[in-house]
Amino acid sequence: MIKIYDKILISLLCIPKVGNKKALDFLKTVNEDIQNVDDLYNKIKLNSEKGIKFPEVSKDQIRDCFEKANLIINKSLDLGHKILTINCDDFPKRIKSIDNPPLILFAKGNVQALNSERCIAVIGKREPSEYGLNASFKIGSDLAKLSTTVVSGLASGCDAGAHKGCVSEQGIGIGVLAHGLDMIFPSSSKFIADELIEKNGLLITEYFIGTKPTKYNFVDRDRIQSGISDIIFVIETAIKGGTMHTVEHSIKQNRNLICLDFPEEAYLNGIAEGNKKLIKEKKACSFL
């Protein structure tokens, strides 16, 4: 059931230049006594006078945001998606304490997976070596056998390989998306996304329905991958790249970090240089 708090939160996030932190600061100062456009407009105006500065916004703009929030909620519910806000029971407990937590998650599938006893993110390059791709499948399947929930960004390569391994053993997986739940990117991941849902898994995103993927969304998405996980397992990474964004978030979030340790000849050939660097700097444990 959608509460007025959820509608207010989505309305706030529809205001240009209002992000998670500003919305959360605002919500901490108000009770659940906002029922309509006038209430929200007056509270924003009052809080701006107290020091929580919002962009200048008119009552008509607030009304537009209310209408947009209604549209987002109705479309999401029509598609069978669940809406989890940070104060609801199903919201993942691991992520509440991270820096800049998402305030809302749109979910498709088994939301109980978010609070599984063990969640491990398996991440890596989109175009891995054959060794890395095979390893991602094996790690995903081994984790499933241990009743561990496998998390990834559903990218091609290592992410998809880990989830293919996971579902091959009837495991539960979570795909964290960098866009709205009404699409799957890349399209090559749609088959594995459908399999995750069929096998009691889950797809989640902080982005409204209709939101397209951008490079900034992928970077922000990575903090959620690590945030909902106990451990981050790096299959294969270069020194720079998307995988390293998740690694950086995991270090800030005090998550355990494991790297697959490649054969020395792979390192000599310039493969998985990021793995070697993280292990050498003792930022990650080695897994042979």
C-alpha atoms as a PDB file:
ATOM      1  CA  MET A   1       0.000   0.000   0.000  1.00  0.00           C
ATOM      2  CA  ILE A   2       1.373   3.403  -0.998  1.00  0.00           C
ATOM      3  CA  LYS A   3       1.481   5.896   1.877  1.00  0.00           C
ATOM      4  CA  ILE A   4       1.352   9.668   1.605  1.00  0.00           C
ATOM      5  CA  TYR A   5       5.009   9.681   2.761  1.00  0.00           C
ATOM      6  CA  ASP A   6       5.966   7.741  -0.386  1.00  0.00           C
ATOM      7  CA  LYS A   7       4.130  10.181  -2.619  1.00  0.00           C
ATOM      8  CA  ILE A   8       5.752  13.163  -0.885  1.00  0.00           C
ATOM      9  CA  LEU A   9       9.200  11.587  -1.243  1.00  0.00           C
ATOM     10  CA  ILE A  10       8.761  10.936  -4.961  1.00  0.00           C
ATOM     11  CA  SER A  11       7.363  14.450  -5.424  1.00  0.00           C
ATOM     12  CA  LEU A  12      10.433  15.937  -3.709  1.00  0.00           C
ATOM     13  CA  LEU A  13      12.789  13.934  -5.928  1.00  0.00           C
ATOM     14  CA  CYS A  14      10.928  15.234  -8.983  1.00  0.00           C
ATOM     15  CA  ILE A  15      11.913  18.808  -8.085  1.00  0.00           C
ATOM     16  CA  PRO A  16      14.917  19.872 -10.223  1.00  0.00           C
ATOM     17  CA  LYS A  17      18.214  19.941  -8.286  1.00  0.00           C
ATOM     18  CA  VAL A  18      16.747  18.105  -5.282  1.00  0.00           C
ATOM     19  CA  GLY A  19      18.662  14.891  -4.609  1.00  0.00           C
ATOM     20  CA  ASN A  20      18.631  12.277  -1.879  1.00  0.00           C
ATOM     21  CA  LYS A  21      20.464  14.317   0.764  1.00  0.00           C
ATOM     22  CA  LYS A  22      18.331  17.436   0.437  1.00  0.00           C
ATOM     23  CA  ALA A  23      15.117  15.404   0.354  1.00  0.00           C
ATOM     24  CA  LEU A  24      16.172  13.413   3.433  1.00  0.00           C
ATOM     25  CA  ASP A  25      17.169  16.556   5.353  1.00  0.00           C
ATOM     26  CA  PHE A  26      13.765  18.006   4.556  1.00  0.00           C
ATOM     27  CA  LEU A  27      11.827  14.893   5.576  1.00  0.00           C
ATOM     28  CA  LYS A  28      13.630  14.763   8.934  1.00  0.00           C
ATOM     29  CA  THR A  29      12.128  18.134   9.813  1.00  0.00           C
ATOM     30  CA  VAL A  30       8.481  17.354   9.058  1.00  0.00           C
ATOM     31  CA  ASN A  31       5.892  15.007  10.436  1.00  0.00           C
ATOM     32  CA  GLU A  32       3.631  12.949   8.213  1.00  0.00           C
ATOM     33  CA  ASP A  33       1.163  15.838   8.153  1.00  0.00           C
ATOM     34  CA  ILE A  34       1.681  16.773   4.496  1.00  0.00           C
ATOM     35  CA  GLN A  35      -1.421  15.731   2.574  1.00  0.00           C
ATOM     36  CA  ASN A  36      -1.513  17.901  -0.521  1.00  0.00           C
ATOM     37  CA  VAL A  37       0.239  20.438  -2.748  1.00  0.00           C
ATOM     38  CA  ASP A  38      -0.442  23.364  -0.407  1.00  0.00           C
ATOM     39  CA  ASP A  39       1.011  21.515   2.587  1.00  0.00           C
ATOM     40  CA  LEU A  40       4.195  20.602   0.742  1.00  0.00           C
ATOM     41  CA  TYR A  41       4.639  24.089  -0.707  1.00  0.00           C
ATOM     42  CA  ASN A  42       4.205  25.714   2.704  1.00  0.00           C
ATOM     43  CA  LYS A  43       6.635  23.286   4.390  1.00  0.00           C
ATOM     44  CA  ILE A  44       9.275  23.884   1.723  1.00  0.00           C
ATOM     45  CA  LYS A  45       8.869  27.624   2.123  1.00  0.00           C
ATOM     46  CA  LEU A  46       9.068  27.363   5.934  1.00  0.00           C
ATOM     47  CA  ASN A  47      12.140  25.129   5.864  1.00  0.00           C
ATOM     48  CA  SER A  48      13.905  27.401   3.386  1.00  0.00           C
ATOM     49  CA  GLU A  49      13.493  30.194   5.918  1.00  0.00           C
ATOM     50  CA  LYS A  50      15.060  27.892   8.554  1.00  0.00           C
ATOM     51  CA  GLY A  51      18.113  27.131   6.443  1.00  0.00           C
ATOM     52  CA  ILE A  52      17.230  24.007   4.401  1.00  0.00           C
ATOM     53  CA  LYS A  53      17.502  25.702   1.045  1.00  0.00           C
ATOM     54  CA  PHE A  54      15.490  24.402  -1.887  1.00  0.00           C
ATOM     55  CA  PRO A  55      15.640  25.738  -5.421  1.00  0.00           C
ATOM     56  CA  GLU A  56      12.985  28.378  -5.894  1.00  0.00           C
ATOM     57  CA  VAL A  57       9.816  26.506  -6.715  1.00  0.00           C
ATOM     58  CA  SER A  58       6.284  27.720  -7.333  1.00  0.00           C
ATOM     59  CA  LYS A  59       3.070  26.094  -6.199  1.00  0.00           C
ATOM     60  CA  ASP A  60       2.350  25.181  -9.825  1.00  0.00           C
ATOM     61  CA  GLN A  61       5.707  23.406 -10.048  1.00  0.00           C
ATOM     62  CA  ILE A  62       4.917  21.495  -6.852  1.00  0.00           C
ATOM     63  CA  ARG A  63       1.562  20.529  -8.365  1.00  0.00           C
ATOM     64  CA  ASP A  64       3.361  19.251 -11.475  1.00  0.00           C
ATOM     65  CA  CYS A  65       5.670  17.180  -9.262  1.00  0.00           C
ATOM     66  CA  PHE A  66       2.678  15.726  -7.397  1.00  0.00           C
ATOM     67  CA  GLU A  67       1.099  14.739 -10.707  1.00  0.00           C
ATOM     68  CA  LYS A  68       4.368  13.219 -11.915  1.00  0.00           C
ATOM     69  CA  ALA A  69       4.672  11.249  -8.660  1.00  0.00           C
ATOM     70  CA  ASN A  70       1.135   9.905  -9.115  1.00  0.00           C
ATOM     71  CA  LEU A  71       1.981   8.862 -12.669  1.00  0.00           C
ATOM     72  CA  ILE A  72       5.202   7.104 -11.570  1.00  0.00           C
ATOM     73  CA  ILE A  73       3.400   5.275  -8.761  1.00  0.00           C
ATOM     74  CA  ASN A  74       0.457   4.191 -10.916  1.00  0.00           C
ATOM     75  CA  LYS A  75       2.620   2.996 -13.821  1.00  0.00           C
ATOM     76  CA  SER A  76       4.904   1.094 -11.444  1.00  0.00           C
ATOM     77  CA  LEU A  77       2.007  -0.626  -9.679  1.00  0.00           C
ATOM     78  CA  ASP A  78       0.317  -1.446 -12.992  1.00  0.00           C
ATOM     79  CA  LEU A  79       3.500  -3.300 -14.010  1.00  0.00           C
ATOM     80  CA  GLY A  80       3.547  -5.204 -10.725  1.00  0.00           C
ATOM     81  CA  HIS A  81       6.538  -3.348  -9.307  1.00  0.00           C
ATOM     82  CA  LYS A  82       6.942  -2.727  -5.586  1.00  0.00           C
ATOM     83  CA  ILE A  83       7.950   0.646  -4.161  1.00  0.00           C
ATOM     84  CA  LEU A  84      10.216   0.573  -1.105  1.00  0.00           C
ATOM     85  CA  THR A  85      11.050   3.772   0.767  1.00  0.00           C
ATOM     86  CA  ILE A  86      13.836   4.055   3.321  1.00  0.00           C
ATOM     87  CA  ASN A  87      11.468   3.897   6.290  1.00  0.00           C
ATOM     88  CA  CYS A  88       9.634   0.708   5.253  1.00  0.00           C
ATOM     89  CA  ASP A  89      10.284  -2.763   6.695  1.00  0.00           C
ATOM     90  CA  ASP A  90      11.432  -4.347   3.419  1.00  0.00           C
ATOM     91  CA  PHE A  91      14.062  -1.696   2.691  1.00  0.00           C
ATOM     92  CA  PRO A  92      17.524  -3.349   2.766  1.00  0.00           C
ATOM     93  CA  LYS A  93      19.030  -2.882   6.213  1.00  0.00           C
ATOM     94  CA  ARG A  94      22.642  -3.032   4.988  1.00  0.00           C
ATOM     95  CA  ILE A  95      22.272   0.059   2.851  1.00  0.00           C
ATOM     96  CA  LYS A  96      20.627   2.433   5.312  1.00  0.00           C
ATOM     97  CA  SER A  97      23.925   3.448   6.915  1.00  0.00           C
ATOM     98  CA  ILE A  98      25.970   4.110   3.758  1.00  0.00           C
ATOM     99  CA  ASP A  99      26.871   7.571   2.562  1.00  0.00           C
ATOM    100  CA  ASN A 100      24.125   8.946   0.305  1.00  0.00           C
ATOM    101  CA  PRO A 101      21.729   5.982   0.573  1.00  0.00           C
ATOM    102  CA  PRO A 102      18.916   5.751  -1.979  1.00  0.00           C
ATOM    103  CA  LEU A 103      15.678   6.936  -0.401  1.00  0.00           C
ATOM    104  CA  ILE A 104      13.510   4.827  -2.647  1.00  0.00           C
ATOM    105  CA  LEU A 105      13.888   1.541  -4.504  1.00  0.00           C
ATOM    106  CA  PHE A 106      11.606   0.199  -7.204  1.00  0.00           C
ATOM    107  CA  ALA A 107      11.585  -3.588  -7.137  1.00  0.00           C
ATOM    108  CA  LYS A 108      10.403  -6.466  -9.282  1.00  0.00           C
ATOM    109  CA  GLY A 109      10.399  -9.938  -7.758  1.00  0.00           C
ATOM    110  CA  ASN A 110      11.264 -11.288  -4.328  1.00  0.00           C
ATOM    111  CA  VAL A 111      11.993  -8.258  -2.109  1.00  0.00           C
ATOM    112  CA  GLN A 112      12.914 -10.548   0.803  1.00  0.00           C
ATOM    113  CA  ALA A 113      16.138 -11.286  -1.088  1.00  0.00           C
ATOM    114  CA  LEU A 114      17.365  -7.801  -0.112  1.00  0.00           C
ATOM    115  CA  ASN A 115      17.725  -8.896   3.496  1.00  0.00           C
ATOM    116  CA  SER A 116      19.153 -12.357   2.810  1.00  0.00           C
ATOM    117  CA  GLU A 117      21.497 -13.708   5.462  1.00  0.00           C
ATOM    118  CA  ARG A 118      24.417 -13.434   3.006  1.00  0.00           C
ATOM    119  CA  CYS A 119      24.700 -11.232  -0.091  1.00  0.00           C
ATOM    120  CA  ILE A 120      27.829 -11.181  -2.234  1.00  0.00           C
ATOM    121  CA  ALA A 121      28.284  -8.886  -5.221  1.00  0.00           C
ATOM    122  CA  VAL A 122      30.141 -10.535  -8.115  1.00  0.00           C
ATOM    123  CA  ILE A 123      31.478  -7.927 -10.517  1.00  0.00           C
ATOM    124  CA  GLY A 124      33.965  -7.549 -13.350  1.00  0.00           C
ATOM    125  CA  LYS A 125      34.705  -6.459 -16.893  1.00  0.00           C
ATOM    126  CA  ARG A 126      32.099  -6.395 -19.643  1.00  0.00           C
ATOM    127  CA  GLU A 127      34.609  -8.017 -21.994  1.00  0.00           C
ATOM    128  CA  PRO A 128      36.593 -10.348 -19.763  1.00  0.00           C
ATOM    129  CA  SER A 129      39.177 -12.930 -20.726  1.00  0.00           C
ATOM    130  CA  GLU A 130      38.002 -16.513 -21.207  1.00  0.00           C
ATOM    131  CA  TYR A 131      39.537 -17.330 -17.821  1.00  0.00           C
ATOM    132  CA  GLY A 132      37.569 -14.536 -16.146  1.00  0.00           C
ATOM    133  CA  LEU A 133      34.293 -15.426 -17.849  1.00  0.00           C
ATOM    134  CA  ASN A 134      34.563 -19.077 -16.870  1.00  0.00           C
ATOM    135  CA  ALA A 135      35.481 -18.082 -13.321  1.00  0.00           C
ATOM    136  CA  SER A 136      32.457 -15.784 -13.028  1.00  0.00           C
ATOM    137  CA  PHE A 137      30.095 -18.656 -13.880  1.00  0.00           C
ATOM    138  CA  LYS A 138      31.800 -20.999 -11.409  1.00  0.00           C
ATOM    139  CA  ILE A 139      31.825 -18.438  -8.581  1.00  0.00           C
ATOM    140  CA  GLY A 140      28.130 -17.677  -9.199  1.00  0.00           C
ATOM    141  CA  SER A 141      27.215 -21.367  -9.122  1.00  0.00           C
ATOM    142  CA  ASP A 142      29.378 -22.087  -6.054  1.00  0.00           C
ATOM    143  CA  LEU A 143      27.793 -19.209  -4.131  1.00  0.00           C
ATOM    144  CA  ALA A 144      24.316 -20.471  -5.038  1.00  0.00           C
ATOM    145  CA  LYS A 145      25.224 -23.901  -3.637  1.00  0.00           C
ATOM    146  CA  LEU A 146      26.132 -22.130  -0.376  1.00  0.00           C
ATOM    147  CA  SER A 147      22.683 -20.440  -0.285  1.00  0.00           C
ATOM    148  CA  THR A 148      24.307 -17.050  -0.855  1.00  0.00           C
ATOM    149  CA  THR A 149      22.408 -14.361  -2.739  1.00  0.00           C
ATOM    150  CA  VAL A 150      24.415 -13.163  -5.761  1.00  0.00           C
ATOM    151  CA  VAL A 151      24.331  -9.439  -6.582  1.00  0.00           C
ATOM    152  CA  SER A 152      25.456  -7.756  -9.816  1.00  0.00           C
ATOM    153  CA  GLY A 153      24.689  -4.890 -12.157  1.00  0.00           C
ATOM    154  CA  LEU A 154      23.489  -7.285 -14.888  1.00  0.00           C
ATOM    155  CA  ALA A 155      26.150  -5.997 -17.272  1.00  0.00           C
ATOM    156  CA  SER A 156      27.413  -8.271 -20.018  1.00  0.00           C
ATOM    157  CA  GLY A 157      30.539 -10.272 -19.246  1.00  0.00           C
ATOM    158  CA  CYS A 158      31.366 -11.103 -15.620  1.00  0.00           C
ATOM    159  CA  ASP A 159      28.056  -9.878 -14.146  1.00  0.00           C
ATOM    160  CA  ALA A 160      25.960 -11.944 -16.529  1.00  0.00           C
ATOM    161  CA  GLY A 161      28.299 -14.920 -16.143  1.00  0.00           C
ATOM    162  CA  ALA A 162      27.911 -14.905 -12.355  1.00  0.00           C
ATOM    163  CA  HIS A 163      24.131 -14.782 -12.579  1.00  0.00           C
ATOM    164  CA  LYS A 164      24.046 -17.540 -15.178  1.00  0.00           C
ATOM    165  CA  GLY A 165      26.036 -19.667 -12.760  1.00  0.00           C
ATOM    166  CA  CYS A 166      23.728 -18.679  -9.904  1.00  0.00           C
ATOM    167  CA  VAL A 167      20.476 -19.639 -11.647  1.00  0.00           C
ATOM    168  CA  SER A 168      22.027 -22.858 -12.973  1.00  0.00           C
ATOM    169  CA  GLU A 169      22.026 -24.016  -9.329  1.00  0.00           C
ATOM    170  CA  GLN A 170      18.567 -22.584  -8.564  1.00  0.00           C
ATOM    171  CA  GLY A 171      20.202 -19.765  -6.618  1.00  0.00           C
ATOM    172  CA  ILE A 172      18.738 -16.359  -5.790  1.00  0.00           C
ATOM    173  CA  GLY A 173      20.190 -13.322  -7.511  1.00  0.00           C
ATOM    174  CA  ILE A 174      19.666  -9.557  -7.374  1.00  0.00           C
ATOM    175  CA  GLY A 175      20.233  -7.335 -10.398  1.00  0.00           C
ATOM    176  CA  VAL A 176      20.819  -3.641  -9.625  1.00  0.00           C
ATOM    177  CA  LEU A 177      19.832  -1.468 -12.586  1.00  0.00           C
ATOM    178  CA  ALA A 178      20.990   1.985 -13.693  1.00  0.00           C
ATOM    179  CA  HIS A 179      17.637   2.877 -15.296  1.00  0.00           C
ATOM    180  CA  GLY A 180      13.895   2.403 -14.850  1.00  0.00           C
ATOM    181  CA  LEU A 181      12.417  -1.055 -14.340  1.00  0.00           C
ATOM    182  CA  ASP A 182      10.517  -0.833 -17.619  1.00  0.00           C
ATOM    183  CA  MET A 183      13.622  -1.836 -19.596  1.00  0.00           C
ATOM    184  CA  ILE A 184      16.769  -3.967 -19.386  1.00  0.00           C
ATOM    185  CA  PHE A 185      20.145  -2.651 -20.507  1.00  0.00           C
ATOM    186  CA  PRO A 186      22.000  -4.125 -22.225  1.00  0.00           C
ATOM    187  CA  SER A 187      19.249  -5.953 -24.087  1.00  0.00           C
ATOM    188  CA  SER A 188      21.434  -9.070 -24.103  1.00  0.00           C
ATOM    189  CA  SER A 189      20.838  -9.316 -20.339  1.00  0.00           C
ATOM    190  CA  LYS A 190      17.043  -9.565 -20.654  1.00  0.00           C
ATOM    191  CA  PHE A 191      17.068 -13.363 -20.771  1.00  0.00           C
ATOM    192  CA  ILE A 192      19.098 -13.655 -17.556  1.00  0.00           C
ATOM    193  CA  ALA A 193      16.969 -10.926 -15.898  1.00  0.00           C
ATOM    194  CA  ASP A 194      13.831 -12.934 -16.671  1.00  0.00           C
ATOM    195  CA  GLU A 195      15.484 -16.074 -15.298  1.00  0.00           C
ATOM    196  CA  LEU A 196      16.386 -14.296 -12.063  1.00  0.00           C
ATOM    197  CA  ILE A 197      12.743 -13.375 -11.519  1.00  0.00           C
ATOM    198  CA  GLU A 198      11.581 -16.917 -12.370  1.00  0.00           C
ATOM    199  CA  LYS A 199      14.061 -18.340  -9.817  1.00  0.00           C
ATOM    200  CA  ASN A 200      12.766 -16.154  -6.957  1.00  0.00           C
ATOM    201  CA  GLY A 201      15.304 -13.394  -7.537  1.00  0.00           C
ATOM    202  CA  LEU A 202      14.915  -9.639  -7.776  1.00  0.00           C
ATOM    203  CA  LEU A 203      15.550  -6.567  -9.912  1.00  0.00           C
ATOM    204  CA  ILE A 204      15.918  -3.191  -8.179  1.00  0.00           C
ATOM    205  CA  THR A 205      16.626   0.407  -9.127  1.00  0.00           C
ATOM    206  CA  GLU A 206      16.439   3.847  -7.548  1.00  0.00           C
ATOM    207  CA  TYR A 207      15.419   5.355 -10.892  1.00  0.00           C
ATOM    208  CA  PHE A 208      11.873   6.244 -11.869  1.00  0.00           C
ATOM    209  CA  ILE A 209      10.106   4.285 -14.554  1.00  0.00           C
ATOM    210  CA  GLY A 210      11.007   5.702 -17.967  1.00  0.00           C
ATOM    211  CA  THR A 211      14.533   6.727 -16.907  1.00  0.00           C
ATOM    212  CA  LYS A 212      17.154   5.833 -19.520  1.00  0.00           C
ATOM    213  CA  PRO A 213      20.688   4.684 -18.587  1.00  0.00           C
ATOM    214  CA  THR A 214      23.470   7.288 -18.508  1.00  0.00           C
ATOM    215  CA  LYS A 215      27.127   6.988 -17.522  1.00  0.00           C
ATOM    216  CA  TYR A 216      26.385   8.929 -14.315  1.00  0.00           C
ATOM    217  CA  ASN A 217      23.578   6.514 -13.426  1.00  0.00           C
ATOM    218  CA  PHE A 218      25.973   3.582 -13.707  1.00  0.00           C
ATOM    219  CA  VAL A 219      28.460   5.196 -11.313  1.00  0.00           C
ATOM    220  CA  ASP A 220      25.704   5.980  -8.795  1.00  0.00           C
ATOM    221  CA  ARG A 221      24.226   2.497  -9.214  1.00  0.00           C
ATOM    222  CA  ASP A 222      27.523   0.970  -8.122  1.00  0.00           C
ATOM    223  CA  ARG A 223      27.164   2.293  -4.551  1.00  0.00           C
ATOM    224  CA  ILE A 224      23.928   0.283  -4.264  1.00  0.00           C
ATOM    225  CA  GLN A 225      25.563  -2.923  -5.520  1.00  0.00           C
ATOM    226  CA  SER A 226      28.167  -2.750  -2.782  1.00  0.00           C
ATOM    227  CA  GLY A 227      25.776  -1.246  -0.241  1.00  0.00           C
ATOM    228  CA  ILE A 228      23.368  -4.202  -0.220  1.00  0.00           C
ATOM    229  CA  SER A 229      26.232  -6.717  -0.105  1.00  0.00           C
ATOM    230  CA  ASP A 230      28.421  -8.090   2.681  1.00  0.00           C
ATOM    231  CA  ILE A 231      31.310  -8.895   0.337  1.00  0.00           C
ATOM    232  CA  ILE A 232      32.348  -7.675  -3.103  1.00  0.00           C
ATOM    233  CA  PHE A 233      34.039 -10.306  -5.273  1.00  0.00           C
ATOM    234  CA  VAL A 234      36.011  -8.898  -8.200  1.00  0.00           C
ATOM    235  CA  ILE A 235      36.385 -11.424 -11.005  1.00  0.00           C
ATOM    236  CA  GLU A 236      38.443  -9.326 -13.423  1.00  0.00           C
ATOM    237  CA  THR A 237      39.181  -5.624 -13.703  1.00  0.00           C
ATOM    238  CA  ALA A 238      41.548  -3.196 -15.339  1.00  0.00           C
ATOM    239  CA  ILE A 239      43.195  -0.499 -13.217  1.00  0.00           C
ATOM    240  CA  LYS A 240      40.512   1.915 -14.371  1.00  0.00           C
ATOM    241  CA  GLY A 241      36.909   1.278 -15.381  1.00  0.00           C
ATOM    242  CA  GLY A 242      33.390   0.660 -14.169  1.00  0.00           C
ATOM    243  CA  THR A 243      34.327  -2.227 -11.879  1.00  0.00           C
ATOM    244  CA  MET A 244      36.688   0.060  -9.974  1.00  0.00           C
ATOM    245  CA  HIS A 245      33.803   2.426  -9.180  1.00  0.00           C
ATOM    246  CA  THR A 246      32.131  -0.373  -7.237  1.00  0.00           C
ATOM    247  CA  VAL A 247      35.471  -1.229  -5.603  1.00  0.00           C
ATOM    248  CA  GLU A 248      35.871   2.374  -4.444  1.00  0.00           C
ATOM    249  CA  HIS A 249      32.356   2.395  -2.990  1.00  0.00           C
ATOM    250  CA  SER A 250      32.993  -0.903  -1.214  1.00  0.00           C
ATOM    251  CA  ILE A 251      36.121   0.486   0.468  1.00  0.00           C
ATOM    252  CA  LYS A 252      34.248   3.614   1.630  1.00  0.00           C
ATOM    253  CA  GLN A 253      31.430   1.414   2.928  1.00  0.00           C
ATOM    254  CA  ASN A 254      33.828  -0.893   4.825  1.00  0.00           C
ATOM    255  CA  ARG A 255      32.759  -3.939   2.850  1.00  0.00           C
ATOM    256  CA  ASN A 256      35.025  -6.960   2.547  1.00  0.00           C
ATOM    257  CA  LEU A 257      36.743  -7.060  -0.842  1.00  0.00           C
ATOM    258  CA  ILE A 258      37.984 -10.215  -2.586  1.00  0.00           C
ATOM    259  CA  CYS A 259      39.812 -10.413  -5.910  1.00  0.00           C
ATOM    260  CA  LEU A 260      40.299 -13.450  -8.100  1.00  0.00           C
ATOM    261  CA  ASP A 261      44.067 -13.973  -8.334  1.00  0.00           C
ATOM    262  CA  PHE A 262      44.982 -14.784 -11.937  1.00  0.00           C
ATOM    263  CA  PRO A 263      47.878 -16.942 -13.123  1.00  0.00           C
ATOM    264  CA  GLU A 264      51.087 -14.908 -13.412  1.00  0.00           C
ATOM    265  CA  GLU A 265      51.147 -15.259 -17.196  1.00  0.00           C
ATOM    266  CA  ALA A 266      47.806 -13.433 -17.384  1.00  0.00           C
ATOM    267  CA  TYR A 267      49.268 -10.480 -15.492  1.00  0.00           C
ATOM    268  CA  LEU A 268      52.304 -10.495 -17.793  1.00  0.00           C
ATOM    269  CA  ASN A 269      49.898 -10.238 -20.724  1.00  0.00           C
ATOM    270  CA  GLY A 270      48.158  -7.217 -19.193  1.00  0.00           C
ATOM    271  CA  ILE A 271      45.026  -9.108 -18.104  1.00  0.00           C
ATOM    272  CA  ALA A 272      43.356  -8.258 -14.773  1.00  0.00           C
ATOM    273  CA  GLU A 273      45.919  -5.602 -13.850  1.00  0.00           C
ATOM    274  CA  GLY A 274      43.402  -4.090 -11.447  1.00  0.00           C
ATOM    275  CA  ASN A 275      43.145  -7.389  -9.558  1.00  0.00           C
ATOM    276  CA  LYS A 276      46.920  -7.543  -9.176  1.00  0.00           C
ATOM    277  CA  LYS A 277      47.087  -3.932  -7.956  1.00  0.00           C
ATOM    278  CA  LEU A 278      44.315  -4.350  -5.355  1.00  0.00           C
ATOM    279  CA  ILE A 279      45.892  -7.543  -3.997  1.00  0.00           C
ATOM    280  CA  LYS A 280      49.402  -6.042  -3.938  1.00  0.00           C
ATOM    281  CA  GLU A 281      48.163  -2.935  -2.081  1.00  0.00           C
ATOM    282  CA  LYS A 282      46.339  -5.224   0.387  1.00  0.00           C
ATOM    283  CA  LYS A 283      43.032  -3.564  -0.358  1.00  0.00           C
ATOM    284  CA  ALA A 284      41.583  -6.946  -1.276  1.00  0.00           C
ATOM    285  CA  CYS A 285      42.055 -10.546  -0.229  1.00  0.00           C
ATOM    286  CA  SER A 286      43.343 -12.941  -2.865  1.00  0.00           C
ATOM    287  CA  PHE A 287      41.195 -15.839  -4.077  1.00  0.00           C
ATOM    288  CA  LEU A 288      42.975 -18.522  -6.072  1.00  0.00           C
END
